[in-house]
Amino acid sequence: MDMRLEVVVLPVADVDRAKKFYGGLGWREDADLATGDDFRVVQFTPPGSPCSIIFGTGVTSAPPGSARGLHLIVDDIEAARAELTERGADPSEVFHDEGGIFHHGGGRARVSGPAPDRATYGSFLSFDDPDGNGWYLQEITTRLPGR
């Protein structure tokens, strides 16, 4: 049976602030639906992604800003950083992990700059939304077999 990740729910404190932030990144607004003051669902989709995010009022009991480690994949990490900066996201510098292909949690073992020889899967940057939900961008130029 196929299973496709379709939606990730983000906990936010201010729905309109989050809507402005993600819209400012150039993400497509798919929905803004409410059934009253206590329930509102807003959906955005990053460019080129089959998976969307949802945030709103009454959609999660998780504390605002508690979503961490969300990954977006890009072909060119430097170009993506420039675009995020231009759009006001305040991304980190590009980094790679000192010991391997995937980054350690919490910022440990980060080495400034892209992966040596721009190895696919090896270069990252991070940014947070206004609530502190944490995103990573990972540069993938050639997929591993089976993907």
N, C-alpha and C. Protein backbone atom coordinates (compact mmCIF):
# COMPACT_ATOMS: atom_id res chain seq x y z
N MET A 1 0.84 -1.17 0.00
CA MET A 1 0.00 0.00 0.00
C MET A 1 0.89 1.25 0.00
N ASP A 2 0.64 2.16 -0.93
CA ASP A 2 1.35 3.42 -0.95
C ASP A 2 0.89 4.29 0.21
N MET A 3 1.83 4.99 0.80
CA MET A 3 1.53 5.98 1.84
C MET A 3 2.32 7.23 1.50
N ARG A 4 1.64 8.33 1.33
CA ARG A 4 2.28 9.58 0.94
C ARG A 4 2.09 10.61 2.03
N LEU A 5 3.19 11.24 2.42
CA LEU A 5 3.09 12.33 3.38
C LEU A 5 2.46 13.52 2.67
N GLU A 6 1.31 13.95 3.16
CA GLU A 6 0.52 14.97 2.49
C GLU A 6 0.52 16.30 3.21
N VAL A 7 0.47 16.27 4.56
CA VAL A 7 0.33 17.49 5.35
C VAL A 7 1.15 17.37 6.63
N VAL A 8 1.78 18.46 7.01
CA VAL A 8 2.44 18.60 8.30
C VAL A 8 1.74 19.73 9.04
N VAL A 9 1.33 19.49 10.28
CA VAL A 9 0.64 20.49 11.07
C VAL A 9 1.67 21.27 11.89
N LEU A 10 1.62 22.59 11.78
CA LEU A 10 2.52 23.47 12.54
C LEU A 10 1.76 24.17 13.65
N PRO A 11 2.29 24.14 14.86
CA PRO A 11 1.65 24.88 15.95
C PRO A 11 2.12 26.34 15.94
N VAL A 12 1.19 27.27 15.83
CA VAL A 12 1.51 28.69 15.81
C VAL A 12 0.66 29.45 16.83
N ALA A 13 1.18 30.58 17.28
CA ALA A 13 0.45 31.42 18.24
C ALA A 13 -0.44 32.44 17.54
N ASP A 14 0.02 32.93 16.39
CA ASP A 14 -0.70 33.99 15.69
C ASP A 14 -0.89 33.56 14.24
N VAL A 15 -2.09 33.16 13.90
CA VAL A 15 -2.38 32.59 12.58
C VAL A 15 -2.09 33.60 11.47
N ASP A 16 -2.51 34.84 11.65
CA ASP A 16 -2.30 35.84 10.60
C ASP A 16 -0.82 36.17 10.41
N ARG A 17 -0.05 36.19 11.49
CA ARG A 17 1.40 36.41 11.38
C ARG A 17 2.04 35.26 10.61
N ALA A 18 1.66 34.02 10.92
CA ALA A 18 2.20 32.86 10.22
C ALA A 18 1.79 32.89 8.74
N LYS A 19 0.57 33.28 8.48
CA LYS A 19 0.08 33.37 7.10
C LYS A 19 0.90 34.39 6.31
N LYS A 20 1.20 35.51 6.91
CA LYS A 20 2.02 36.54 6.25
C LYS A 20 3.44 36.02 6.01
N PHE A 21 4.01 35.33 6.99
CA PHE A 21 5.37 34.81 6.86
C PHE A 21 5.47 33.80 5.71
N TYR A 22 4.62 32.77 5.72
CA TYR A 22 4.72 31.72 4.70
C TYR A 22 4.31 32.24 3.32
N GLY A 23 3.34 33.13 3.27
CA GLY A 23 3.02 33.78 2.00
C GLY A 23 4.19 34.60 1.48
N GLY A 24 4.89 35.28 2.40
CA GLY A 24 6.07 36.07 2.03
C GLY A 24 7.21 35.23 1.48
N LEU A 25 7.24 33.95 1.87
CA LEU A 25 8.26 33.05 1.33
C LEU A 25 7.95 32.62 -0.10
N GLY A 26 6.75 32.97 -0.57
CA GLY A 26 6.35 32.58 -1.92
C GLY A 26 5.64 31.24 -1.96
N TRP A 27 5.22 30.74 -0.80
CA TRP A 27 4.49 29.48 -0.77
C TRP A 27 3.05 29.73 -1.20
N ARG A 28 2.47 28.75 -1.85
CA ARG A 28 1.10 28.88 -2.37
C ARG A 28 0.09 28.70 -1.24
N GLU A 29 -0.82 29.65 -1.12
CA GLU A 29 -1.91 29.52 -0.16
C GLU A 29 -3.01 28.66 -0.79
N ASP A 30 -3.30 27.54 -0.16
CA ASP A 30 -4.30 26.61 -0.68
C ASP A 30 -5.66 26.79 -0.04
N ALA A 31 -5.68 27.20 1.22
CA ALA A 31 -6.96 27.31 1.93
C ALA A 31 -6.83 28.21 3.14
N ASP A 32 -7.91 28.86 3.47
CA ASP A 32 -8.08 29.59 4.73
C ASP A 32 -9.56 29.45 5.07
N LEU A 33 -9.87 28.46 5.91
CA LEU A 33 -11.25 28.10 6.20
C LEU A 33 -11.51 28.18 7.70
N ALA A 34 -12.65 28.73 8.08
CA ALA A 34 -13.03 28.81 9.49
C ALA A 34 -14.48 28.39 9.65
N THR A 35 -14.75 27.77 10.79
CA THR A 35 -16.14 27.41 11.12
C THR A 35 -16.59 28.17 12.36
N GLY A 36 -15.83 29.14 12.77
CA GLY A 36 -16.13 29.94 13.95
C GLY A 36 -14.84 30.49 14.52
N ASP A 37 -14.93 31.21 15.63
CA ASP A 37 -13.74 31.81 16.24
C ASP A 37 -12.78 30.79 16.82
N ASP A 38 -13.24 29.57 17.08
CA ASP A 38 -12.39 28.57 17.72
C ASP A 38 -11.82 27.52 16.76
N PHE A 39 -12.10 27.66 15.45
CA PHE A 39 -11.53 26.69 14.51
C PHE A 39 -11.29 27.35 13.15
N ARG A 40 -10.01 27.37 12.78
CA ARG A 40 -9.57 27.93 11.49
C ARG A 40 -8.41 27.10 10.98
N VAL A 41 -8.45 26.77 9.71
CA VAL A 41 -7.40 25.97 9.06
C VAL A 41 -6.83 26.77 7.89
N VAL A 42 -5.52 26.96 7.92
CA VAL A 42 -4.82 27.64 6.83
C VAL A 42 -3.81 26.63 6.27
N GLN A 43 -3.80 26.49 4.94
CA GLN A 43 -2.88 25.54 4.30
C GLN A 43 -2.02 26.27 3.28
N PHE A 44 -0.70 25.98 3.31
CA PHE A 44 0.26 26.49 2.34
C PHE A 44 1.08 25.32 1.81
N THR A 45 1.56 25.48 0.57
CA THR A 45 2.42 24.47 -0.04
C THR A 45 3.68 25.13 -0.57
N PRO A 46 4.86 24.63 -0.17
CA PRO A 46 6.11 25.16 -0.71
C PRO A 46 6.18 24.91 -2.22
N PRO A 47 6.84 25.79 -2.96
CA PRO A 47 6.97 25.59 -4.41
C PRO A 47 7.58 24.22 -4.73
N GLY A 48 6.93 23.48 -5.60
CA GLY A 48 7.44 22.19 -6.05
C GLY A 48 7.20 21.03 -5.10
N SER A 49 6.55 21.27 -3.98
CA SER A 49 6.36 20.21 -2.99
C SER A 49 5.00 19.53 -3.13
N PRO A 50 4.95 18.20 -2.99
CA PRO A 50 3.66 17.52 -2.94
C PRO A 50 3.07 17.55 -1.53
N CYS A 51 3.83 17.98 -0.53
CA CYS A 51 3.38 18.03 0.86
C CYS A 51 3.14 19.48 1.27
N SER A 52 2.07 19.69 2.01
CA SER A 52 1.68 21.02 2.47
C SER A 52 1.85 21.14 3.97
N ILE A 53 1.74 22.37 4.46
CA ILE A 53 1.66 22.62 5.90
C ILE A 53 0.27 23.15 6.21
N ILE A 54 -0.19 22.87 7.41
CA ILE A 54 -1.45 23.41 7.92
C ILE A 54 -1.15 24.02 9.28
N PHE A 55 -1.73 25.17 9.54
CA PHE A 55 -1.71 25.78 10.86
C PHE A 55 -3.04 26.48 11.03
N GLY A 56 -3.32 26.91 12.23
CA GLY A 56 -4.58 27.60 12.45
C GLY A 56 -4.96 27.65 13.90
N THR A 57 -6.23 27.76 14.14
CA THR A 57 -6.80 27.80 15.48
C THR A 57 -7.55 26.50 15.71
N GLY A 58 -7.21 25.81 16.80
CA GLY A 58 -7.91 24.58 17.13
C GLY A 58 -7.50 23.38 16.31
N VAL A 59 -6.34 23.43 15.63
CA VAL A 59 -5.92 22.29 14.80
C VAL A 59 -4.87 21.41 15.48
N THR A 60 -4.25 21.88 16.56
CA THR A 60 -3.27 21.08 17.29
C THR A 60 -3.20 21.57 18.73
N SER A 61 -2.86 20.65 19.61
CA SER A 61 -2.65 21.02 21.01
C SER A 61 -1.17 21.22 21.32
N ALA A 62 -0.30 21.03 20.33
CA ALA A 62 1.14 21.22 20.52
C ALA A 62 1.44 22.70 20.79
N PRO A 63 2.43 22.99 21.61
CA PRO A 63 2.76 24.38 21.89
C PRO A 63 3.36 25.07 20.66
N PRO A 64 3.02 26.35 20.45
CA PRO A 64 3.57 27.09 19.31
C PRO A 64 5.10 26.99 19.27
N GLY A 65 5.62 26.76 18.07
CA GLY A 65 7.06 26.70 17.88
C GLY A 65 7.69 25.37 18.19
N SER A 66 6.91 24.34 18.48
CA SER A 66 7.49 23.06 18.88
C SER A 66 7.79 22.12 17.72
N ALA A 67 7.42 22.48 16.50
CA ALA A 67 7.78 21.65 15.34
C ALA A 67 9.25 21.94 14.99
N ARG A 68 10.07 20.93 15.00
CA ARG A 68 11.51 21.09 14.76
C ARG A 68 11.95 20.05 13.73
N GLY A 69 13.01 20.36 13.01
CA GLY A 69 13.61 19.39 12.11
C GLY A 69 12.87 19.14 10.82
N LEU A 70 12.03 20.08 10.41
CA LEU A 70 11.33 19.94 9.14
C LEU A 70 12.32 20.20 8.01
N HIS A 71 12.34 19.35 6.99
CA HIS A 71 13.33 19.46 5.91
C HIS A 71 12.66 19.77 4.58
N LEU A 72 13.25 20.73 3.90
CA LEU A 72 12.90 21.05 2.51
C LEU A 72 14.13 20.75 1.67
N ILE A 73 13.92 20.18 0.51
CA ILE A 73 15.03 19.78 -0.37
C ILE A 73 15.14 20.78 -1.51
N VAL A 74 16.39 21.20 -1.79
CA VAL A 74 16.66 22.16 -2.87
C VAL A 74 17.79 21.65 -3.74
N ASP A 75 17.84 22.15 -4.98
CA ASP A 75 18.91 21.80 -5.91
C ASP A 75 20.15 22.65 -5.71
N ASP A 76 19.97 23.88 -5.21
CA ASP A 76 21.08 24.83 -5.07
C ASP A 76 20.92 25.56 -3.74
N ILE A 77 21.69 25.17 -2.74
CA ILE A 77 21.56 25.71 -1.39
C ILE A 77 21.91 27.20 -1.32
N GLU A 78 22.88 27.63 -2.09
CA GLU A 78 23.28 29.04 -2.08
C GLU A 78 22.18 29.92 -2.67
N ALA A 79 21.59 29.49 -3.77
CA ALA A 79 20.49 30.24 -4.39
C ALA A 79 19.28 30.26 -3.46
N ALA A 80 19.00 29.13 -2.80
CA ALA A 80 17.88 29.07 -1.87
C ALA A 80 18.11 30.01 -0.69
N ARG A 81 19.35 30.07 -0.19
CA ARG A 81 19.66 30.98 0.92
C ARG A 81 19.43 32.42 0.51
N ALA A 82 19.89 32.77 -0.69
CA ALA A 82 19.70 34.15 -1.18
C ALA A 82 18.22 34.49 -1.28
N GLU A 83 17.42 33.56 -1.77
CA GLU A 83 15.98 33.82 -1.90
C GLU A 83 15.32 33.94 -0.53
N LEU A 84 15.67 33.07 0.40
CA LEU A 84 15.10 33.17 1.75
C LEU A 84 15.47 34.50 2.41
N THR A 85 16.71 34.91 2.23
CA THR A 85 17.16 36.19 2.79
C THR A 85 16.37 37.34 2.18
N GLU A 86 16.22 37.32 0.87
CA GLU A 86 15.46 38.35 0.16
C GLU A 86 14.01 38.42 0.64
N ARG A 87 13.47 37.27 1.02
CA ARG A 87 12.07 37.20 1.44
C ARG A 87 11.89 37.36 2.95
N GLY A 88 12.98 37.65 3.67
CA GLY A 88 12.89 37.98 5.08
C GLY A 88 12.90 36.83 6.05
N ALA A 89 13.41 35.66 5.66
CA ALA A 89 13.37 34.49 6.55
C ALA A 89 14.56 34.40 7.51
N ASP A 90 15.63 35.14 7.30
CA ASP A 90 16.81 35.12 8.17
C ASP A 90 17.42 33.72 8.31
N PRO A 91 17.84 33.11 7.20
CA PRO A 91 18.43 31.77 7.28
C PRO A 91 19.84 31.81 7.87
N SER A 92 20.26 30.67 8.39
CA SER A 92 21.64 30.52 8.87
C SER A 92 22.59 30.53 7.68
N GLU A 93 23.86 30.49 8.00
CA GLU A 93 24.82 30.28 6.94
C GLU A 93 24.69 28.83 6.44
N VAL A 94 25.20 28.56 5.27
CA VAL A 94 25.24 27.19 4.76
C VAL A 94 26.28 26.43 5.60
N PHE A 95 25.97 25.19 5.94
CA PHE A 95 26.89 24.39 6.74
C PHE A 95 26.82 22.93 6.31
N HIS A 96 27.82 22.18 6.77
CA HIS A 96 27.80 20.73 6.62
C HIS A 96 28.24 20.13 7.95
N ASP A 97 28.03 18.84 8.11
CA ASP A 97 28.37 18.17 9.35
C ASP A 97 29.82 17.69 9.29
N GLU A 98 30.51 17.82 10.40
CA GLU A 98 31.92 17.43 10.42
C GLU A 98 32.15 15.94 10.25
N GLY A 99 31.13 15.12 10.55
CA GLY A 99 31.38 13.69 10.53
C GLY A 99 30.60 12.89 9.52
N GLY A 100 29.83 13.55 8.69
CA GLY A 100 29.07 12.71 7.77
C GLY A 100 28.09 13.47 6.92
N ILE A 101 27.16 12.72 6.43
CA ILE A 101 26.27 13.22 5.40
C ILE A 101 25.05 13.95 5.96
N PHE A 102 24.62 13.60 7.18
CA PHE A 102 23.45 14.26 7.77
C PHE A 102 23.91 15.06 8.98
N HIS A 103 23.21 16.13 9.29
CA HIS A 103 23.62 17.01 10.38
C HIS A 103 23.22 16.44 11.74
N HIS A 104 24.02 16.78 12.76
CA HIS A 104 23.67 16.48 14.15
C HIS A 104 22.54 17.41 14.59
N GLY A 105 21.78 17.01 15.57
CA GLY A 105 20.74 17.86 16.13
C GLY A 105 21.33 18.97 16.99
N GLY A 106 20.60 20.04 17.10
CA GLY A 106 20.98 21.11 18.01
C GLY A 106 22.18 21.94 17.61
N GLY A 107 22.62 21.83 16.41
CA GLY A 107 23.72 22.67 15.95
C GLY A 107 25.11 22.12 16.28
N ARG A 108 25.19 20.95 16.87
CA ARG A 108 26.50 20.36 17.16
C ARG A 108 27.19 19.93 15.86
N ALA A 109 28.52 19.99 15.87
CA ALA A 109 29.36 19.46 14.80
C ALA A 109 29.14 20.13 13.45
N ARG A 110 28.68 21.38 13.46
CA ARG A 110 28.49 22.11 12.21
C ARG A 110 29.81 22.71 11.74
N VAL A 111 30.04 22.60 10.45
CA VAL A 111 31.20 23.22 9.82
C VAL A 111 30.68 24.23 8.81
N SER A 112 31.19 25.43 8.87
CA SER A 112 30.74 26.49 7.98
C SER A 112 31.03 26.15 6.52
N GLY A 113 30.08 26.45 5.66
CA GLY A 113 30.23 26.25 4.24
C GLY A 113 29.58 24.97 3.76
N PRO A 114 29.44 24.86 2.44
CA PRO A 114 28.83 23.64 1.88
C PRO A 114 29.73 22.43 2.08
N ALA A 115 29.15 21.25 1.87
CA ALA A 115 29.90 20.00 1.99
C ALA A 115 31.07 20.00 1.02
N PRO A 116 32.16 19.33 1.40
CA PRO A 116 33.30 19.25 0.47
C PRO A 116 32.85 18.73 -0.90
N ASP A 117 33.33 19.38 -1.93
CA ASP A 117 32.97 19.04 -3.31
C ASP A 117 31.47 19.13 -3.57
N ARG A 118 30.76 19.86 -2.70
CA ARG A 118 29.30 20.01 -2.81
C ARG A 118 28.62 18.64 -2.91
N ALA A 119 29.09 17.70 -2.10
CA ALA A 119 28.53 16.34 -2.11
C ALA A 119 27.02 16.39 -1.91
N THR A 120 26.29 15.69 -2.75
CA THR A 120 24.84 15.64 -2.63
C THR A 120 24.45 15.13 -1.25
N TYR A 121 23.39 15.63 -0.70
CA TYR A 121 22.84 15.33 0.62
C TYR A 121 23.64 15.97 1.76
N GLY A 122 24.73 16.66 1.48
CA GLY A 122 25.63 17.08 2.55
C GLY A 122 25.59 18.53 2.99
N SER A 123 24.91 19.41 2.27
CA SER A 123 24.89 20.84 2.62
C SER A 123 23.52 21.24 3.15
N PHE A 124 23.53 22.09 4.19
CA PHE A 124 22.30 22.47 4.88
C PHE A 124 22.30 23.96 5.22
N LEU A 125 21.13 24.46 5.54
CA LEU A 125 20.96 25.72 6.24
C LEU A 125 19.71 25.56 7.08
N SER A 126 19.51 26.48 8.02
CA SER A 126 18.32 26.40 8.86
C SER A 126 17.68 27.77 8.99
N PHE A 127 16.39 27.77 9.30
CA PHE A 127 15.68 28.99 9.63
C PHE A 127 14.46 28.63 10.47
N ASP A 128 13.96 29.61 11.18
CA ASP A 128 12.77 29.43 12.01
C ASP A 128 11.67 30.35 11.51
N ASP A 129 10.43 29.93 11.70
CA ASP A 129 9.31 30.83 11.43
C ASP A 129 9.14 31.74 12.65
N PRO A 130 8.23 32.70 12.62
CA PRO A 130 8.10 33.64 13.73
C PRO A 130 7.76 33.00 15.08
N ASP A 131 7.22 31.78 15.08
CA ASP A 131 6.91 31.09 16.33
C ASP A 131 8.06 30.22 16.81
N GLY A 132 9.07 30.01 15.98
CA GLY A 132 10.19 29.16 16.34
C GLY A 132 10.12 27.76 15.79
N ASN A 133 9.14 27.46 14.94
CA ASN A 133 9.13 26.17 14.25
C ASN A 133 10.37 26.13 13.36
N GLY A 134 11.13 25.05 13.46
CA GLY A 134 12.45 24.99 12.83
C GLY A 134 12.50 24.21 11.54
N TRP A 135 13.05 24.85 10.54
CA TRP A 135 13.19 24.28 9.20
C TRP A 135 14.65 24.11 8.84
N TYR A 136 14.94 23.10 8.03
CA TYR A 136 16.24 22.91 7.39
C TYR A 136 16.03 22.86 5.89
N LEU A 137 16.98 23.38 5.16
CA LEU A 137 17.07 23.12 3.73
C LEU A 137 18.26 22.21 3.53
N GLN A 138 18.10 21.20 2.69
CA GLN A 138 19.16 20.26 2.37
C GLN A 138 19.34 20.25 0.87
N GLU A 139 20.58 20.34 0.43
CA GLU A 139 20.87 20.32 -1.00
C GLU A 139 21.04 18.87 -1.47
N ILE A 140 20.21 18.49 -2.44
CA ILE A 140 20.32 17.17 -3.06
C ILE A 140 20.39 17.39 -4.56
N THR A 141 21.50 16.99 -5.14
CA THR A 141 21.68 17.15 -6.59
C THR A 141 21.55 15.83 -7.33
N THR A 142 21.85 14.72 -6.65
CA THR A 142 21.70 13.38 -7.23
C THR A 142 21.11 12.49 -6.16
N ARG A 143 19.98 11.88 -6.45
CA ARG A 143 19.31 11.01 -5.49
C ARG A 143 20.02 9.67 -5.36
N LEU A 144 19.97 9.11 -4.14
CA LEU A 144 20.45 7.76 -3.93
C LEU A 144 19.56 6.78 -4.69
N PRO A 145 20.07 5.62 -5.09
CA PRO A 145 19.24 4.63 -5.79
C PRO A 145 18.00 4.26 -4.98
N GLY A 146 16.91 4.03 -5.68
CA GLY A 146 15.67 3.63 -5.05
C GLY A 146 14.76 4.76 -4.67
N ARG A 147 15.19 5.99 -4.90
CA ARG A 147 14.37 7.17 -4.55
C ARG A 147 13.67 7.68 -5.77
